[in-house]
C-alpha cells in the first residue's frame, strides 16, 4: 500500500482521502546533527514515523519540505535555516489545499523543535473550519515516553544528536549513522532555568552533539519508536 500523496494519481488520491480523510504532515530540518548523523535526521525520522503510523491507520502522507526553521543552529555553517515566514506560508497553502480536497483530520509529526510554534499557529488558524488536528513534537515526545529505556535522563539522553536521537537513527536508518564519530558533550550548568535565554548553539557544543551519543544502541531506538507509536495510537483512538 502506498501512502505518500506524491506517489499516487490524482484519482486514487481523492478516492483514498474520501475513504479516510486523515493526513499526516511530517516536517523536519537540514542542519548539523553531530558528526555521526546526517543533516536531515529530523526530517528522515519524521518521515519514517509517518510511514509507520500511516500503515497502522491507513492515512495519507502529505508532501513536505526538506528544511525547517533552524535559526538556533545558524551559527554552524552546515545548516539550512528556513525563514519562519516561508515555513508558515508553505504549511498554510498545504493545509488549505488538503481541506479543499476533503481532508478533515491532520496529524503533524514534527521532527524539529524550531517548527513547533509555526505548526501550532497553523492548526489553531483552521480549527474553526471543522478540522481535527494534533501535533507530535517528536523529540519532546520521546522524552516524555522514554521511561527506563535510556541510560541517562534530561539533555544527556535527549539533547541534540545524543543518546535518544542516535539510538532512533541506529534503528530506523543504521546505514546513515557513523558509530565511529559518536561523541559526548555535557551541557553547561544553567543557573537561570526560569529565564528564556538566547545565544548561538556553537556556545553549547562544538560539533552539534549535546549529550551522550556514545551509549546509543539500535535496541534502545527500537524500544522508543515502538513505545511512542503505541502512545500515539492511544491518543488517536480517543481523539479521531
Protein backbone atom coordinates (compact mmCIF):
# COMPACT_ATOMS: atom_id res chain seq x y z
CA UNK A 1 0.00 0.00 0.00
CA UNK A 2 1.35 3.43 -0.95
CA UNK A 3 0.77 6.27 1.50
CA UNK A 4 2.68 9.21 0.03
CA UNK A 5 0.33 11.55 -1.84
CA UNK A 6 3.09 12.44 -4.30
CA UNK A 7 3.25 8.82 -5.47
CA UNK A 8 -0.48 8.49 -6.16
CA UNK A 9 -2.52 9.52 -9.18
CA UNK A 10 -4.99 12.32 -8.58
CA UNK A 11 -7.89 9.89 -8.92
CA UNK A 12 -6.50 7.44 -6.38
CA UNK A 13 -5.54 10.25 -4.01
CA UNK A 14 -9.07 11.67 -3.92
CA UNK A 15 -10.61 8.21 -3.54
CA UNK A 16 -8.31 7.40 -0.63
CA UNK A 17 -8.97 10.76 1.02
CA UNK A 18 -12.72 10.22 0.73
CA UNK A 19 -12.35 6.80 2.36
CA UNK A 20 -10.19 8.14 5.18
CA UNK A 21 -9.90 11.95 5.50
CA UNK A 22 -6.79 11.74 7.69
CA UNK A 23 -3.48 13.21 6.51
CA UNK A 24 -0.08 13.03 8.20
CA UNK A 25 2.24 16.00 7.68
CA UNK A 26 5.92 15.43 8.56
CA UNK A 27 8.33 18.34 8.93
CA UNK A 28 11.99 18.44 9.87
CA UNK A 29 15.19 20.27 9.11
CA UNK A 30 18.57 20.08 7.41
CA UNK A 31 21.21 21.12 9.93
CA UNK A 32 24.32 19.93 11.70
CA UNK A 33 23.39 16.84 13.73
CA UNK A 34 26.58 15.83 15.40
CA UNK A 35 29.47 14.29 13.47
CA UNK A 36 27.76 10.87 13.44
CA UNK A 37 24.33 11.61 11.92
CA UNK A 38 23.08 13.08 8.62
CA UNK A 39 21.98 16.70 8.48
CA UNK A 40 18.48 15.61 7.51
CA UNK A 41 17.95 13.48 10.64
CA UNK A 42 14.91 15.44 11.87
CA UNK A 43 13.06 15.05 8.58
CA UNK A 44 14.18 11.46 7.96
CA UNK A 45 12.85 10.40 11.37
CA UNK A 46 9.61 12.36 10.94
CA UNK A 47 9.02 10.71 7.57
CA UNK A 48 9.74 7.19 8.83
CA UNK A 49 7.47 7.66 11.85
CA UNK A 50 4.81 8.98 9.48
CA UNK A 51 5.17 5.85 7.34
CA UNK A 52 4.89 3.50 10.33
CA UNK A 53 1.85 5.42 11.59
CA UNK A 54 0.23 5.50 8.13
CA UNK A 55 0.46 1.72 7.95
CA UNK A 56 -1.44 1.47 11.23
CA UNK A 57 -4.24 3.90 10.42
CA UNK A 58 -4.36 3.85 6.59
CA UNK A 59 -3.72 7.59 6.37
CA UNK A 60 -2.08 9.59 3.60
CA UNK A 61 1.26 11.38 3.97
CA UNK A 62 1.37 14.92 2.61
CA UNK A 63 4.21 16.45 0.57
CA UNK A 64 6.79 18.06 2.82
CA UNK A 65 9.86 20.27 2.55
CA UNK A 66 13.47 19.33 3.21
CA UNK A 67 14.39 22.20 5.54
CA UNK A 68 12.93 23.93 8.58
CA UNK A 69 13.24 26.90 10.95
CA UNK A 70 16.80 26.26 12.11
CA UNK A 71 17.84 29.77 13.17
CA UNK A 72 19.00 28.39 16.55
CA UNK A 73 21.78 26.48 14.76
CA UNK A 74 22.55 29.04 12.08
CA UNK A 75 25.96 29.76 13.63
CA UNK A 76 27.04 26.40 12.18
CA UNK A 77 27.90 26.84 8.50
CA UNK A 78 26.35 23.47 7.59
CA UNK A 79 22.79 24.47 8.45
CA UNK A 80 19.97 25.32 6.03
CA UNK A 81 17.89 27.76 8.07
CA UNK A 82 14.49 28.43 6.51
CA UNK A 83 12.84 31.74 7.43
CA UNK A 84 9.77 31.08 9.58
CA UNK A 85 7.55 33.06 7.22
CA UNK A 86 8.31 30.67 4.36
CA UNK A 87 7.51 27.64 6.52
CA UNK A 88 4.29 29.31 7.62
CA UNK A 89 3.26 30.14 4.05
CA UNK A 90 4.03 26.62 2.88
CA UNK A 91 2.04 24.92 5.61
CA UNK A 92 -0.84 27.37 5.17
CA UNK A 93 -1.04 26.61 1.44
CA UNK A 94 -0.70 22.88 2.05
CA UNK A 95 -3.44 22.71 4.68
CA UNK A 96 -5.77 24.88 2.58
CA UNK A 97 -5.41 22.54 -0.41
CA UNK A 98 -5.91 19.44 1.70
CA UNK A 99 -9.06 20.87 3.30
CA UNK A 100 -10.43 21.79 -0.13
CA UNK A 101 -9.78 18.22 -1.28
CA UNK A 102 -11.66 16.78 1.70
CA UNK A 103 -9.13 16.26 4.49
CA UNK A 104 -10.63 16.56 7.97
CA UNK A 105 -8.03 15.09 10.34
CA UNK A 106 -4.44 16.32 10.49
CA UNK A 107 -1.54 14.69 12.31
CA UNK A 108 1.67 16.72 12.29
CA UNK A 109 4.80 14.70 13.00
CA UNK A 110 7.22 17.49 13.82
CA UNK A 111 10.79 16.27 13.88
CA UNK A 112 12.33 19.66 14.60
CA UNK A 113 11.68 21.90 17.60
CA UNK A 114 12.06 25.07 15.54
CA UNK A 115 8.92 24.18 13.57
CA UNK A 116 6.63 23.53 16.55
CA UNK A 117 5.33 27.05 17.11
CA UNK A 118 4.58 27.56 13.43
CA UNK A 119 2.71 24.27 13.20
CA UNK A 120 0.67 25.18 16.29
CA UNK A 121 -0.22 28.54 14.74
CA UNK A 122 -1.41 26.89 11.51
CA UNK A 123 -3.52 24.35 13.40
CA UNK A 124 -5.21 27.00 15.55
CA UNK A 125 -5.94 29.13 12.48
CA UNK A 126 -8.01 26.33 10.93
CA UNK A 127 -9.85 24.91 13.95
CA UNK A 128 -12.98 26.92 13.11
CA UNK A 129 -13.17 25.10 9.78
CA UNK A 130 -14.30 21.89 11.45
CA UNK A 131 -10.99 20.03 11.31
CA UNK A 132 -9.36 17.91 14.00
CA UNK A 133 -5.62 18.18 14.43
CA UNK A 134 -2.76 17.23 16.71
CA UNK A 135 0.99 17.67 16.72
CA UNK A 136 3.62 15.18 17.85
CA UNK A 137 6.70 17.18 18.79
CA UNK A 138 8.79 14.06 18.22
CA UNK A 139 11.93 14.58 20.29
CA UNK A 140 9.99 16.04 23.24
CA UNK A 141 7.50 13.19 22.83
CA UNK A 142 10.30 10.64 23.13
CA UNK A 143 11.50 12.36 26.30
CA UNK A 144 8.02 12.13 27.85
CA UNK A 145 7.68 8.44 26.96
CA UNK A 146 11.21 7.10 27.39
CA UNK A 147 10.73 5.56 30.86
CA UNK A 148 13.79 3.49 31.73
CA UNK A 149 14.89 2.87 28.16
CA UNK A 150 17.90 5.17 28.22
CA UNK A 151 20.99 5.25 30.43
CA UNK A 152 20.60 8.97 31.04
CA UNK A 153 17.78 11.44 31.56
CA UNK A 154 17.32 15.05 30.53
CA UNK A 155 19.70 16.60 27.99
CA UNK A 156 22.33 13.87 28.34
CA UNK A 157 19.81 11.47 26.79
CA UNK A 158 17.55 13.87 24.91
CA UNK A 159 19.89 16.66 23.90
CA UNK A 160 20.73 17.31 20.28
CA UNK A 161 22.05 14.20 18.48
CA UNK A 162 22.61 12.44 21.81
CA UNK A 163 21.57 9.06 23.21
CA UNK A 164 17.94 9.16 22.09
CA UNK A 165 18.39 10.71 18.65
CA UNK A 166 21.33 8.50 17.77
CA UNK A 167 19.56 5.35 19.03
CA UNK A 168 16.47 6.14 16.95
CA UNK A 169 18.61 6.64 13.85
CA UNK A 170 20.53 3.40 14.52
CA UNK A 171 17.16 1.64 14.42
CA UNK A 172 15.48 3.48 11.55
CA UNK A 173 18.49 4.25 9.33
CA UNK A 174 21.52 2.27 10.54
CA UNK A 175 23.29 2.78 7.22
CA UNK A 176 23.33 6.55 7.79
CA UNK A 177 24.85 6.55 11.29
CA UNK A 178 28.64 6.57 11.73
CA UNK A 179 29.30 4.90 15.09
CA UNK A 180 32.99 5.82 14.97
CA UNK A 181 32.05 9.52 15.23
CA UNK A 182 29.82 9.33 18.32
CA UNK A 183 30.79 11.85 20.98
CA UNK A 184 29.80 13.07 24.45
CA UNK A 185 29.28 16.78 25.11
CA UNK A 186 27.98 17.67 28.57
CA UNK A 187 25.55 20.61 28.80
CA UNK A 188 26.78 23.61 30.74
CA UNK A 189 25.02 24.27 34.03
CA UNK A 190 22.17 26.75 33.70
CA UNK A 191 21.84 28.91 36.80
CA UNK A 192 18.70 30.61 35.50
CA UNK A 193 16.37 27.93 34.09
CA UNK A 194 13.42 30.26 34.71
CA UNK A 195 14.73 32.80 32.17
CA UNK A 196 14.30 32.43 28.41
CA UNK A 197 17.86 32.74 27.16
CA UNK A 198 19.27 33.23 23.68
CA UNK A 199 22.65 32.53 22.18
CA UNK A 200 24.47 30.67 19.45
CA UNK A 201 24.28 26.87 19.61
CA UNK A 202 28.03 26.86 18.94
CA UNK A 203 28.42 28.17 22.51
CA UNK A 204 26.91 24.91 23.79
CA UNK A 205 28.58 22.37 21.52
CA UNK A 206 31.47 22.38 19.05
CA UNK A 207 30.03 19.67 16.80
CA UNK A 208 26.23 19.70 17.09
CA UNK A 209 26.01 16.95 19.72
CA UNK A 210 24.66 17.94 23.13
CA UNK A 211 24.54 14.97 25.49
CA UNK A 212 26.00 11.47 25.23
CA UNK A 213 25.74 9.72 21.88
CA UNK A 214 28.33 7.09 22.80
CA UNK A 215 25.80 4.97 24.72
CA UNK A 216 23.26 4.88 21.88
CA UNK A 217 22.11 1.47 20.59
CA UNK A 218 19.75 0.14 17.97
CA UNK A 219 17.81 -1.72 20.66
CA UNK A 220 17.08 1.48 22.56
CA UNK A 221 15.93 3.12 19.34
CA UNK A 222 13.56 0.28 18.51
CA UNK A 223 12.10 0.35 22.02
CA UNK A 224 11.38 4.08 21.99
CA UNK A 225 9.91 4.04 18.47
CA UNK A 226 7.52 1.25 19.41
CA UNK A 227 6.54 2.84 22.73
CA UNK A 228 5.90 6.19 21.07
CA UNK A 229 3.87 4.71 18.22
CA UNK A 230 1.71 2.86 20.73
CA UNK A 231 1.21 6.07 22.68
CA UNK A 232 0.23 7.99 19.54
CA UNK A 233 -2.29 5.28 18.71
CA UNK A 234 -3.77 5.52 22.21
CA UNK A 235 -4.40 9.20 21.62
CA UNK A 236 -5.76 8.82 18.10
CA UNK A 237 -8.19 6.14 19.23
CA UNK A 238 -9.73 8.62 21.63
CA UNK A 239 -9.44 11.83 19.58
CA UNK A 240 -10.12 10.78 15.99
